[in-house]
PDB file of all heavy atoms in Angstrom:
ATOM      1  N   ALA A   1     -12.073 -28.617   8.612  1.00  0.00           N
ATOM      2  CA  ALA A   1     -13.086 -29.312   9.515  1.00  0.00           C
ATOM      3  C   ALA A   1     -14.342 -29.599   8.817  1.00  0.00           C
ATOM      4  O   ALA A   1     -14.892 -30.709   9.132  1.00  0.00           O
ATOM      5  CB  ALA A   1     -13.432 -28.194  10.634  1.00  0.00           C
ATOM      6  N   GLU A   2     -14.645 -29.033   7.787  1.00  0.00           N
ATOM      7  CA  GLU A   2     -15.820 -29.317   6.893  1.00  0.00           C
ATOM      8  C   GLU A   2     -15.621 -30.506   6.140  1.00  0.00           C
ATOM      9  O   GLU A   2     -16.507 -31.360   6.147  1.00  0.00           O
ATOM     10  CB  GLU A   2     -16.110 -28.090   5.998  1.00  0.00           C
ATOM     11  CG  GLU A   2     -17.449 -27.830   5.536  1.00  0.00           C
ATOM     12  CD  GLU A   2     -17.561 -26.658   4.680  1.00  0.00           C
ATOM     13  OE1 GLU A   2     -17.356 -25.527   5.268  1.00  0.00           O
ATOM     14  OE2 GLU A   2     -17.793 -26.850   3.499  1.00  0.00           O
ATOM     15  N   GLN A   3     -14.384 -30.694   5.599  1.00  0.00           N
ATOM     16  CA  GLN A   3     -14.106 -31.925   4.744  1.00  0.00           C
ATOM     17  C   GLN A   3     -12.625 -31.999   4.717  1.00  0.00           C
ATOM     18  O   GLN A   3     -11.882 -31.167   4.244  1.00  0.00           O
ATOM     19  CB  GLN A   3     -14.623 -31.741   3.360  1.00  0.00           C
ATOM     20  CG  GLN A   3     -14.354 -32.744   2.434  1.00  0.00           C
ATOM     21  CD  GLN A   3     -14.949 -32.474   1.037  1.00  0.00           C
ATOM     22  OE1 GLN A   3     -15.659 -31.537   0.796  1.00  0.00           O
ATOM     23  NE2 GLN A   3     -14.513 -33.330   0.037  1.00  0.00           N
ATOM     24  N   PRO A   4     -12.030 -33.206   5.088  1.00  0.00           N
ATOM     25  CA  PRO A   4     -10.630 -33.461   5.076  1.00  0.00           C
ATOM     26  C   PRO A   4     -10.051 -33.088   3.653  1.00  0.00           C
ATOM     27  O   PRO A   4     -10.619 -33.551   2.584  1.00  0.00           O
ATOM     28  CB  PRO A   4     -10.445 -34.792   5.421  1.00  0.00           C
ATOM     29  CG  PRO A   4     -11.622 -35.075   6.357  1.00  0.00           C
ATOM     30  CD  PRO A   4     -12.777 -34.359   5.644  1.00  0.00           C
ATOM     31  N   GLY A   5      -9.030 -32.447   3.620  1.00  0.00           N
ATOM     32  CA  GLY A   5      -8.487 -31.953   2.321  1.00  0.00           C
ATOM     33  C   GLY A   5      -8.871 -30.676   1.720  1.00  0.00           C
ATOM     34  O   GLY A   5      -8.231 -30.183   0.844  1.00  0.00           O
ATOM     35  N   LEU A   6     -10.094 -30.212   2.084  1.00  0.00           N
ATOM     36  CA  LEU A   6     -10.532 -29.009   1.583  1.00  0.00           C
ATOM     37  C   LEU A   6      -9.858 -27.791   1.997  1.00  0.00           C
ATOM     38  O   LEU A   6      -9.529 -26.872   1.155  1.00  0.00           O
ATOM     39  CB  LEU A   6     -12.063 -28.836   1.972  1.00  0.00           C
ATOM     40  CG  LEU A   6     -12.859 -27.733   1.184  1.00  0.00           C
ATOM     41  CD1 LEU A   6     -12.858 -27.857  -0.244  1.00  0.00           C
ATOM     42  CD2 LEU A   6     -14.303 -27.730   1.768  1.00  0.00           C
ATOM     43  N   GLY A   7      -9.252 -27.813   3.161  1.00  0.00           N
ATOM     44  CA  GLY A   7      -8.381 -26.691   3.633  1.00  0.00           C
ATOM     45  C   GLY A   7      -7.081 -26.579   2.782  1.00  0.00           C
ATOM     46  O   GLY A   7      -6.751 -25.532   2.392  1.00  0.00           O
ATOM     47  N   LYS A   8      -6.585 -27.679   2.458  1.00  0.00           N
ATOM     48  CA  LYS A   8      -5.372 -27.686   1.677  1.00  0.00           C
ATOM     49  C   LYS A   8      -5.762 -27.251   0.230  1.00  0.00           C
ATOM     50  O   LYS A   8      -4.848 -26.431  -0.304  1.00  0.00           O
ATOM     51  CB  LYS A   8      -4.902 -29.279   1.590  1.00  0.00           C
ATOM     52  CG  LYS A   8      -3.562 -29.285   0.708  1.00  0.00           C
ATOM     53  CD  LYS A   8      -3.069 -30.632   0.645  1.00  0.00           C
ATOM     54  CE  LYS A   8      -1.897 -30.739  -0.216  1.00  0.00           C
ATOM     55  NZ  LYS A   8      -1.338 -32.064  -0.547  1.00  0.00           N
ATOM     56  N   ARG A   9      -6.821 -27.643  -0.283  1.00  0.00           N
ATOM     57  CA  ARG A   9      -7.367 -27.128  -1.602  1.00  0.00           C
ATOM     58  C   ARG A   9      -7.549 -25.557  -1.568  1.00  0.00           C
ATOM     59  O   ARG A   9      -7.198 -24.889  -2.560  1.00  0.00           O
ATOM     60  CB  ARG A   9      -8.494 -27.844  -2.182  1.00  0.00           C
ATOM     61  CG  ARG A   9      -8.125 -29.384  -2.543  1.00  0.00           C
ATOM     62  CD  ARG A   9      -9.222 -29.969  -3.352  1.00  0.00           C
ATOM     63  NE  ARG A   9     -10.560 -29.981  -2.725  1.00  0.00           N
ATOM     64  CZ  ARG A   9     -10.892 -31.061  -1.963  1.00  0.00           C
ATOM     65  NH1 ARG A   9     -10.071 -31.997  -1.605  1.00  0.00           N
ATOM     66  NH2 ARG A   9     -12.176 -30.989  -1.406  1.00  0.00           N
ATOM     67  N   PHE A  10      -7.984 -25.066  -0.483  1.00  0.00           N
ATOM     68  CA  PHE A  10      -8.177 -23.671  -0.343  1.00  0.00           C
ATOM     69  C   PHE A  10      -6.898 -22.968  -0.284  1.00  0.00           C
ATOM     70  O   PHE A  10      -6.633 -21.926  -1.048  1.00  0.00           O
ATOM     71  CB  PHE A  10      -8.950 -23.353   1.015  1.00  0.00           C
ATOM     72  CG  PHE A  10      -9.056 -21.936   1.298  1.00  0.00           C
ATOM     73  CD1 PHE A  10      -9.853 -21.037   0.550  1.00  0.00           C
ATOM     74  CD2 PHE A  10      -8.295 -21.407   2.473  1.00  0.00           C
ATOM     75  CE1 PHE A  10      -9.819 -19.634   0.856  1.00  0.00           C
ATOM     76  CE2 PHE A  10      -8.407 -20.012   2.688  1.00  0.00           C
ATOM     77  CZ  PHE A  10      -9.149 -19.197   1.967  1.00  0.00           C
ATOM     78  N   LEU A  11      -5.849 -23.440   0.431  1.00  0.00           N
ATOM     79  CA  LEU A  11      -4.587 -22.821   0.555  1.00  0.00           C
ATOM     80  C   LEU A  11      -3.879 -22.857  -0.885  1.00  0.00           C
ATOM     81  O   LEU A  11      -3.218 -21.880  -1.169  1.00  0.00           O
ATOM     82  CB  LEU A  11      -3.730 -23.562   1.570  1.00  0.00           C
ATOM     83  CG  LEU A  11      -4.050 -23.340   2.993  1.00  0.00           C
ATOM     84  CD1 LEU A  11      -3.323 -24.137   3.901  1.00  0.00           C
ATOM     85  CD2 LEU A  11      -4.063 -21.819   3.286  1.00  0.00           C
ATOM     86  N   GLU A  12      -4.058 -23.956  -1.617  1.00  0.00           N
ATOM     87  CA  GLU A  12      -3.440 -24.057  -2.968  1.00  0.00           C
ATOM     88  C   GLU A  12      -4.165 -22.896  -3.837  1.00  0.00           C
ATOM     89  O   GLU A  12      -3.500 -22.350  -4.803  1.00  0.00           O
ATOM     90  CB  GLU A  12      -3.717 -25.543  -3.570  1.00  0.00           C
ATOM     91  CG  GLU A  12      -2.796 -26.484  -2.879  1.00  0.00           C
ATOM     92  CD  GLU A  12      -3.193 -27.936  -3.188  1.00  0.00           C
ATOM     93  OE1 GLU A  12      -4.269 -28.128  -3.895  1.00  0.00           O
ATOM     94  OE2 GLU A  12      -2.527 -28.825  -2.843  1.00  0.00           O
ATOM     95  N   ALA A  13      -5.423 -22.781  -3.766  1.00  0.00           N
ATOM     96  CA  ALA A  13      -6.099 -21.783  -4.572  1.00  0.00           C
ATOM     97  C   ALA A  13      -5.688 -20.425  -4.292  1.00  0.00           C
ATOM     98  O   ALA A  13      -5.474 -19.554  -5.133  1.00  0.00           O
ATOM     99  CB  ALA A  13      -7.660 -21.880  -4.370  1.00  0.00           C
ATOM    100  N   VAL A  14      -5.418 -20.161  -2.965  1.00  0.00           N
ATOM    101  CA  VAL A  14      -4.773 -18.823  -2.559  1.00  0.00           C
ATOM    102  C   VAL A  14      -3.473 -18.672  -3.146  1.00  0.00           C
ATOM    103  O   VAL A  14      -3.105 -17.584  -3.642  1.00  0.00           O
ATOM    104  CB  VAL A  14      -4.917 -18.625  -1.007  1.00  0.00           C
ATOM    105  CG1 VAL A  14      -4.060 -17.440  -0.612  1.00  0.00           C
ATOM    106  CG2 VAL A  14      -6.366 -18.620  -0.467  1.00  0.00           C
ATOM    107  N   ARG A  15      -2.659 -19.740  -3.080  1.00  0.00           N
ATOM    108  CA  ARG A  15      -1.254 -19.596  -3.543  1.00  0.00           C
ATOM    109  C   ARG A  15      -1.288 -19.355  -5.079  1.00  0.00           C
ATOM    110  O   ARG A  15      -0.616 -18.500  -5.573  1.00  0.00           O
ATOM    111  CB  ARG A  15      -0.610 -20.968  -3.394  1.00  0.00           C
ATOM    112  CG  ARG A  15       0.846 -20.896  -3.803  1.00  0.00           C
ATOM    113  CD  ARG A  15       1.521 -22.176  -3.896  1.00  0.00           C
ATOM    114  NE  ARG A  15       0.891 -23.044  -4.924  1.00  0.00           N
ATOM    115  CZ  ARG A  15       0.545 -24.268  -4.818  1.00  0.00           C
ATOM    116  NH1 ARG A  15       0.827 -24.986  -3.738  1.00  0.00           N
ATOM    117  NH2 ARG A  15      -0.081 -24.841  -5.773  1.00  0.00           N
ATOM    118  N   ASP A  16      -2.199 -19.903  -5.935  1.00  0.00           N
ATOM    119  CA  ASP A  16      -2.364 -19.692  -7.336  1.00  0.00           C
ATOM    120  C   ASP A  16      -2.702 -18.272  -7.478  1.00  0.00           C
ATOM    121  O   ASP A  16      -2.279 -17.563  -8.353  1.00  0.00           O
ATOM    122  CB  ASP A  16      -3.414 -20.595  -7.868  1.00  0.00           C
ATOM    123  CG  ASP A  16      -3.148 -22.070  -8.005  1.00  0.00           C
ATOM    124  OD1 ASP A  16      -1.876 -22.266  -7.805  1.00  0.00           O
ATOM    125  OD2 ASP A  16      -3.961 -22.899  -8.145  1.00  0.00           O
ATOM    126  N   ALA A  17      -3.658 -17.649  -6.635  1.00  0.00           N
ATOM    127  CA  ALA A  17      -4.156 -16.261  -6.774  1.00  0.00           C
ATOM    128  C   ALA A  17      -2.877 -15.390  -6.489  1.00  0.00           C
ATOM    129  O   ALA A  17      -2.786 -14.431  -7.156  1.00  0.00           O
ATOM    130  CB  ALA A  17      -5.204 -15.961  -5.810  1.00  0.00           C
ATOM    131  N   THR A  18      -2.078 -15.665  -5.473  1.00  0.00           N
ATOM    132  CA  THR A  18      -0.977 -14.817  -5.107  1.00  0.00           C
ATOM    133  C   THR A  18       0.077 -14.826  -6.379  1.00  0.00           C
ATOM    134  O   THR A  18       0.695 -13.780  -6.581  1.00  0.00           O
ATOM    135  CB  THR A  18      -0.227 -15.174  -3.921  1.00  0.00           C
ATOM    136  OG1 THR A  18       0.219 -16.508  -3.924  1.00  0.00           O
ATOM    137  CG2 THR A  18      -1.121 -15.069  -2.661  1.00  0.00           C
ATOM    138  N   CYS A  19       0.207 -16.040  -7.017  1.00  0.00           N
ATOM    139  CA  CYS A  19       1.093 -16.022  -8.250  1.00  0.00           C
ATOM    140  C   CYS A  19       0.672 -15.134  -9.299  1.00  0.00           C
ATOM    141  O   CYS A  19       1.442 -14.431  -9.886  1.00  0.00           O
ATOM    142  CB  CYS A  19       1.243 -17.513  -8.734  1.00  0.00           C
ATOM    143  SG  CYS A  19       2.114 -18.606  -7.610  1.00  0.00           S
ATOM    144  N   LYS A  20      -0.729 -15.092  -9.492  1.00  0.00           N
ATOM    145  CA  LYS A  20      -1.307 -14.214 -10.557  1.00  0.00           C
ATOM    146  C   LYS A  20      -1.021 -12.728 -10.161  1.00  0.00           C
ATOM    147  O   LYS A  20      -0.707 -11.919 -10.961  1.00  0.00           O
ATOM    148  CB  LYS A  20      -2.798 -14.474 -10.690  1.00  0.00           C
ATOM    149  CG  LYS A  20      -3.111 -15.740 -11.302  1.00  0.00           C
ATOM    150  CD  LYS A  20      -4.522 -16.069 -11.387  1.00  0.00           C
ATOM    151  CE  LYS A  20      -4.836 -17.405 -11.886  1.00  0.00           C
ATOM    152  NZ  LYS A  20      -6.317 -17.698 -11.824  1.00  0.00           N
ATOM    153  N   ILE A  21      -1.250 -12.393  -8.841  1.00  0.00           N
ATOM    154  CA  ILE A  21      -0.988 -11.095  -8.425  1.00  0.00           C
ATOM    155  C   ILE A  21       0.506 -10.682  -8.645  1.00  0.00           C
ATOM    156  O   ILE A  21       0.739  -9.533  -9.138  1.00  0.00           O
ATOM    157  CB  ILE A  21      -1.306 -11.014  -6.938  1.00  0.00           C
ATOM    158  CG1 ILE A  21      -2.862 -11.051  -6.727  1.00  0.00           C
ATOM    159  CG2 ILE A  21      -0.876  -9.672  -6.367  1.00  0.00           C
ATOM    160  CD1 ILE A  21      -3.297 -11.280  -5.243  1.00  0.00           C
ATOM    161  N   ARG A  22       1.479 -11.552  -8.302  1.00  0.00           N
ATOM    162  CA  ARG A  22       2.779 -11.184  -8.535  1.00  0.00           C
ATOM    163  C   ARG A  22       3.133 -11.019  -9.925  1.00  0.00           C
ATOM    164  O   ARG A  22       3.965 -10.046 -10.347  1.00  0.00           O
ATOM    165  CB  ARG A  22       3.576 -12.272  -7.949  1.00  0.00           C
ATOM    166  CG  ARG A  22       3.859 -12.317  -6.450  1.00  0.00           C
ATOM    167  CD  ARG A  22       4.680 -13.549  -6.120  1.00  0.00           C
ATOM    168  NE  ARG A  22       5.399 -13.206  -4.885  1.00  0.00           N
ATOM    169  CZ  ARG A  22       6.025 -14.240  -4.097  1.00  0.00           C
ATOM    170  NH1 ARG A  22       5.981 -15.418  -4.521  1.00  0.00           N
ATOM    171  NH2 ARG A  22       6.446 -13.892  -3.003  1.00  0.00           N
ATOM    172  N   LEU A  23       2.567 -11.733 -10.846  1.00  0.00           N
ATOM    173  CA  LEU A  23       2.845 -11.665 -12.320  1.00  0.00           C
ATOM    174  C   LEU A  23       2.457 -10.279 -12.843  1.00  0.00           C
ATOM    175  O   LEU A  23       3.076  -9.675 -13.728  1.00  0.00           O
ATOM    176  CB  LEU A  23       2.295 -12.845 -13.021  1.00  0.00           C
ATOM    177  CG  LEU A  23       3.060 -14.153 -12.850  1.00  0.00           C
ATOM    178  CD1 LEU A  23       2.246 -15.283 -13.468  1.00  0.00           C
ATOM    179  CD2 LEU A  23       4.511 -13.998 -13.473  1.00  0.00           C
ATOM    180  N   SER A  24       1.272  -9.890 -12.462  1.00  0.00           N
ATOM    181  CA  SER A  24       0.622  -8.670 -13.079  1.00  0.00           C
ATOM    182  C   SER A  24      -0.345  -8.026 -12.141  1.00  0.00           C
ATOM    183  O   SER A  24      -1.553  -8.074 -12.233  1.00  0.00           O
ATOM    184  CB  SER A  24      -0.060  -9.111 -14.354  1.00  0.00           C
ATOM    185  OG  SER A  24      -0.520  -7.911 -14.946  1.00  0.00           O
ATOM    186  N   PRO A  25       0.176  -7.320 -10.995  1.00  0.00           N
ATOM    187  CA  PRO A  25      -0.817  -6.825 -10.066  1.00  0.00           C
ATOM    188  C   PRO A  25      -1.620  -5.756 -10.645  1.00  0.00           C
ATOM    189  O   PRO A  25      -2.928  -5.664 -10.105  1.00  0.00           O
ATOM    190  CB  PRO A  25       0.182  -6.175  -9.089  1.00  0.00           C
ATOM    191  CG  PRO A  25       1.471  -6.188  -9.618  1.00  0.00           C
ATOM    192  CD  PRO A  25       1.536  -7.129 -10.841  1.00  0.00           C
ATOM    193  N   SER A  26      -1.359  -4.981 -11.663  1.00  0.00           N
ATOM    194  CA  SER A  26      -2.163  -3.856 -12.153  1.00  0.00           C
ATOM    195  C   SER A  26      -3.253  -4.459 -12.892  1.00  0.00           C
ATOM    196  O   SER A  26      -4.235  -3.629 -13.278  1.00  0.00           O
ATOM    197  CB  SER A  26      -1.234  -2.974 -13.012  1.00  0.00           C
ATOM    198  OG  SER A  26      -0.738  -3.635 -14.166  1.00  0.00           O
ATOM    199  N   MET A  27      -3.433  -5.724 -13.304  1.00  0.00           N
ATOM    200  CA  MET A  27      -4.590  -6.235 -14.050  1.00  0.00           C
ATOM    201  C   MET A  27      -5.861  -6.352 -13.257  1.00  0.00           C
ATOM    202  O   MET A  27      -6.853  -6.534 -13.703  1.00  0.00           O
ATOM    203  CB  MET A  27      -4.298  -7.477 -14.738  1.00  0.00           C
ATOM    204  CG  MET A  27      -4.193  -8.738 -13.911  1.00  0.00           C
ATOM    205  SD  MET A  27      -3.804 -10.038 -14.801  1.00  0.00           S
ATOM    206  CE  MET A  27      -5.252 -11.186 -14.496  1.00  0.00           C
ATOM    207  N   PHE A  28      -5.708  -6.256 -11.866  1.00  0.00           N
ATOM    208  CA  PHE A  28      -6.781  -6.352 -10.962  1.00  0.00           C
ATOM    209  C   PHE A  28      -7.529  -5.101 -10.689  1.00  0.00           C
ATOM    210  O   PHE A  28      -6.905  -4.063 -10.585  1.00  0.00           O
ATOM    211  CB  PHE A  28      -6.433  -7.219  -9.690  1.00  0.00           C
ATOM    212  CG  PHE A  28      -5.835  -8.577 -10.009  1.00  0.00           C
ATOM    213  CD1 PHE A  28      -4.440  -8.770 -10.134  1.00  0.00           C
ATOM    214  CD2 PHE A  28      -6.715  -9.626 -10.178  1.00  0.00           C
ATOM    215  CE1 PHE A  28      -4.006 -10.012 -10.366  1.00  0.00           C
ATOM    216  CE2 PHE A  28      -6.208 -10.878 -10.495  1.00  0.00           C
ATOM    217  CZ  PHE A  28      -4.892 -11.009 -10.581  1.00  0.00           C
ATOM    218  N   GLN A  29      -8.853  -5.256 -10.467  1.00  0.00           N
ATOM    219  CA  GLN A  29      -9.683  -4.110 -10.253  1.00  0.00           C
ATOM    220  C   GLN A  29      -9.336  -3.377  -8.890  1.00  0.00           C
ATOM    221  O   GLN A  29      -9.203  -3.984  -7.842  1.00  0.00           O
ATOM    222  CB  GLN A  29     -11.159  -4.554 -10.160  1.00  0.00           C
ATOM    223  CG  GLN A  29     -12.140  -3.444  -9.801  1.00  0.00           C
ATOM    224  CD  GLN A  29     -13.479  -4.148  -9.491  1.00  0.00           C
ATOM    225  OE1 GLN A  29     -13.724  -5.321  -9.527  1.00  0.00           O
ATOM    226  NE2 GLN A  29     -14.413  -3.241  -9.302  1.00  0.00           N
ATOM    227  N   CYS A  30      -9.315  -1.976  -8.926  1.00  0.00           N
ATOM    228  CA  CYS A  30      -9.054  -1.277  -7.821  1.00  0.00           C
ATOM    229  C   CYS A  30     -10.422  -1.205  -7.024  1.00  0.00           C
ATOM    230  O   CYS A  30     -11.522  -1.037  -7.463  1.00  0.00           O
ATOM    231  CB  CYS A  30      -8.734   0.242  -8.216  1.00  0.00           C
ATOM    232  SG  CYS A  30      -7.048   0.418  -8.742  1.00  0.00           S
ATOM    233  N   VAL A  31     -10.266  -1.389  -5.654  1.00  0.00           N
ATOM    234  CA  VAL A  31     -11.504  -1.335  -4.797  1.00  0.00           C
ATOM    235  C   VAL A  31     -11.492  -0.273  -3.882  1.00  0.00           C
ATOM    236  O   VAL A  31     -12.607   0.221  -3.359  1.00  0.00           O
ATOM    237  CB  VAL A  31     -11.647  -2.674  -4.080  1.00  0.00           C
ATOM    238  CG1 VAL A  31     -12.045  -3.836  -5.030  1.00  0.00           C
ATOM    239  CG2 VAL A  31     -10.383  -2.961  -3.227  1.00  0.00           C
ATOM    240  N   GLU A  32     -10.291   0.414  -3.529  1.00  0.00           N
ATOM    241  CA  GLU A  32     -10.219   1.492  -2.652  1.00  0.00           C
ATOM    242  C   GLU A  32      -8.771   2.183  -2.735  1.00  0.00           C
ATOM    243  O   GLU A  32      -7.903   1.454  -2.426  1.00  0.00           O
ATOM    244  CB  GLU A  32     -10.562   1.079  -1.158  1.00  0.00           C
ATOM    245  CG  GLU A  32     -10.516   2.199  -0.201  1.00  0.00           C
ATOM    246  CD  GLU A  32     -11.667   3.087  -0.073  1.00  0.00           C
ATOM    247  OE1 GLU A  32     -12.684   2.567  -0.599  1.00  0.00           O
ATOM    248  OE2 GLU A  32     -11.503   4.183   0.312  1.00  0.00           O
ATOM    249  N   GLY A  33      -8.757   3.302  -3.270  1.00  0.00           N
ATOM    250  CA  GLY A  33      -7.425   3.904  -3.574  1.00  0.00           C
ATOM    251  C   GLY A  33      -6.472   3.108  -4.315  1.00  0.00           C
ATOM    252  O   GLY A  33      -6.883   2.677  -5.419  1.00  0.00           O
ATOM    253  N   LYS A  34      -5.426   2.719  -3.823  1.00  0.00           N
ATOM    254  CA  LYS A  34      -4.387   1.806  -4.428  1.00  0.00           C
ATOM    255  C   LYS A  34      -4.735   0.266  -4.172  1.00  0.00           C
ATOM    256  O   LYS A  34      -3.987  -0.528  -4.746  1.00  0.00           O
ATOM    257  CB  LYS A  34      -3.022   2.175  -4.107  1.00  0.00           C
ATOM    258  CG  LYS A  34      -2.580   3.505  -4.610  1.00  0.00           C
ATOM    259  CD  LYS A  34      -1.110   3.770  -4.142  1.00  0.00           C
ATOM    260  CE  LYS A  34      -0.649   5.103  -4.707  1.00  0.00           C
ATOM    261  NZ  LYS A  34       0.820   5.354  -4.435  1.00  0.00           N
ATOM    262  N   ALA A  35      -5.650  -0.009  -3.400  1.00  0.00           N
ATOM    263  CA  ALA A  35      -5.928  -1.368  -3.040  1.00  0.00           C
ATOM    264  C   ALA A  35      -6.779  -2.038  -4.285  1.00  0.00           C
ATOM    265  O   ALA A  35      -7.646  -1.539  -4.931  1.00  0.00           O
ATOM    266  CB  ALA A  35      -6.739  -1.485  -1.729  1.00  0.00           C
ATOM    267  N   ARG A  36      -6.347  -3.259  -4.471  1.00  0.00           N
ATOM    268  CA  ARG A  36      -6.986  -4.017  -5.665  1.00  0.00           C
ATOM    269  C   ARG A  36      -7.476  -5.403  -5.014  1.00  0.00           C
ATOM    270  O   ARG A  36      -7.176  -5.739  -3.990  1.00  0.00           O
ATOM    271  CB  ARG A  36      -5.943  -4.365  -6.680  1.00  0.00           C
ATOM    272  CG  ARG A  36      -5.462  -3.020  -7.408  1.00  0.00           C
ATOM    273  CD  ARG A  36      -4.334  -3.362  -8.378  1.00  0.00           C
ATOM    274  NE  ARG A  36      -3.968  -2.109  -8.965  1.00  0.00           N
ATOM    275  CZ  ARG A  36      -4.480  -1.576 -10.084  1.00  0.00           C
ATOM    276  NH1 ARG A  36      -5.506  -2.183 -10.701  1.00  0.00           N
ATOM    277  NH2 ARG A  36      -3.905  -0.505 -10.677  1.00  0.00           N
ATOM    278  N   ARG A  37      -8.313  -6.058  -5.745  1.00  0.00           N
ATOM    279  CA  ARG A  37      -8.854  -7.362  -5.334  1.00  0.00           C
ATOM    280  C   ARG A  37      -8.719  -8.344  -6.428  1.00  0.00           C
ATOM    281  O   ARG A  37      -9.078  -8.178  -7.576  1.00  0.00           O
ATOM    282  CB  ARG A  37     -10.298  -7.231  -5.089  1.00  0.00           C
ATOM    283  CG  ARG A  37     -10.841  -8.638  -4.379  1.00  0.00           C
ATOM    284  CD  ARG A  37     -12.270  -8.527  -4.051  1.00  0.00           C
ATOM    285  NE  ARG A  37     -12.982  -8.597  -5.280  1.00  0.00           N
ATOM    286  CZ  ARG A  37     -14.204  -8.110  -5.593  1.00  0.00           C
ATOM    287  NH1 ARG A  37     -14.860  -7.607  -4.658  1.00  0.00           N
ATOM    288  NH2 ARG A  37     -14.760  -8.186  -6.693  1.00  0.00           N
ATOM    289  N   CYS A  38      -8.202  -9.621  -6.039  1.00  0.00           N
ATOM    290  CA  CYS A  38      -8.074 -10.783  -6.788  1.00  0.00           C
ATOM    291  C   CYS A  38      -9.043 -11.777  -6.310  1.00  0.00           C
ATOM    292  O   CYS A  38      -8.898 -12.137  -5.084  1.00  0.00           O
ATOM    293  CB  CYS A  38      -6.630 -11.243  -6.804  1.00  0.00           C
ATOM    294  SG  CYS A  38      -6.340 -12.811  -7.770  1.00  0.00           S
ATOM    295  N   CYS A  39      -9.842 -12.434  -7.116  1.00  0.00           N
ATOM    296  CA  CYS A  39     -10.748 -13.514  -6.622  1.00  0.00           C
ATOM    297  C   CYS A  39     -10.005 -14.778  -6.582  1.00  0.00           C
ATOM    298  O   CYS A  39      -9.093 -14.996  -7.355  1.00  0.00           O
ATOM    299  CB  CYS A  39     -11.936 -13.661  -7.572  1.00  0.00           C
ATOM    300  SG  CYS A  39     -13.010 -12.275  -7.642  1.00  0.00           S
ATOM    301  N   VAL A  40     -10.313 -15.635  -5.519  1.00  0.00           N
ATOM    302  CA  VAL A  40      -9.713 -16.958  -5.402  1.00  0.00           C
ATOM    303  C   VAL A  40     -10.571 -17.896  -6.131  1.00  0.00           C
ATOM    304  O   VAL A  40     -11.757 -18.011  -5.890  1.00  0.00           O
ATOM    305  CB  VAL A  40      -9.657 -17.275  -3.951  1.00  0.00           C
ATOM    306  CG1 VAL A  40      -9.040 -18.777  -3.805  1.00  0.00           C
ATOM    307  CG2 VAL A  40      -8.698 -16.226  -3.186  1.00  0.00           C
ATOM    308  N   GLU A  41     -10.057 -18.668  -7.077  1.00  0.00           N
ATOM    309  CA  GLU A  41     -10.869 -19.597  -7.937  1.00  0.00           C
ATOM    310  C   GLU A  41     -11.392 -20.687  -7.008  1.00  0.00           C
ATOM    311  O   GLU A  41     -10.653 -21.105  -6.153  1.00  0.00           O
ATOM    312  CB  GLU A  41      -9.955 -20.188  -9.008  1.00  0.00           C
ATOM    313  CG  GLU A  41      -9.742 -19.099 -10.007  1.00  0.00           C
ATOM    314  CD  GLU A  41      -8.967 -19.689 -11.290  1.00  0.00           C
ATOM    315  OE1 GLU A  41      -9.159 -20.938 -11.518  1.00  0.00           O
ATOM    316  OE2 GLU A  41      -8.244 -18.936 -11.951  1.00  0.00           O
TER     317      GLU A  41
END
């Protein structure tokens, strides 16, 4: 709604982040118990 195409770019960035998580989940910082966080570029 903010800018046409920006929502699609956001979803692509999230997809890229999920690929990184799948490849090596343990490389990300623990934030609570076993929960970890990956930043979306």
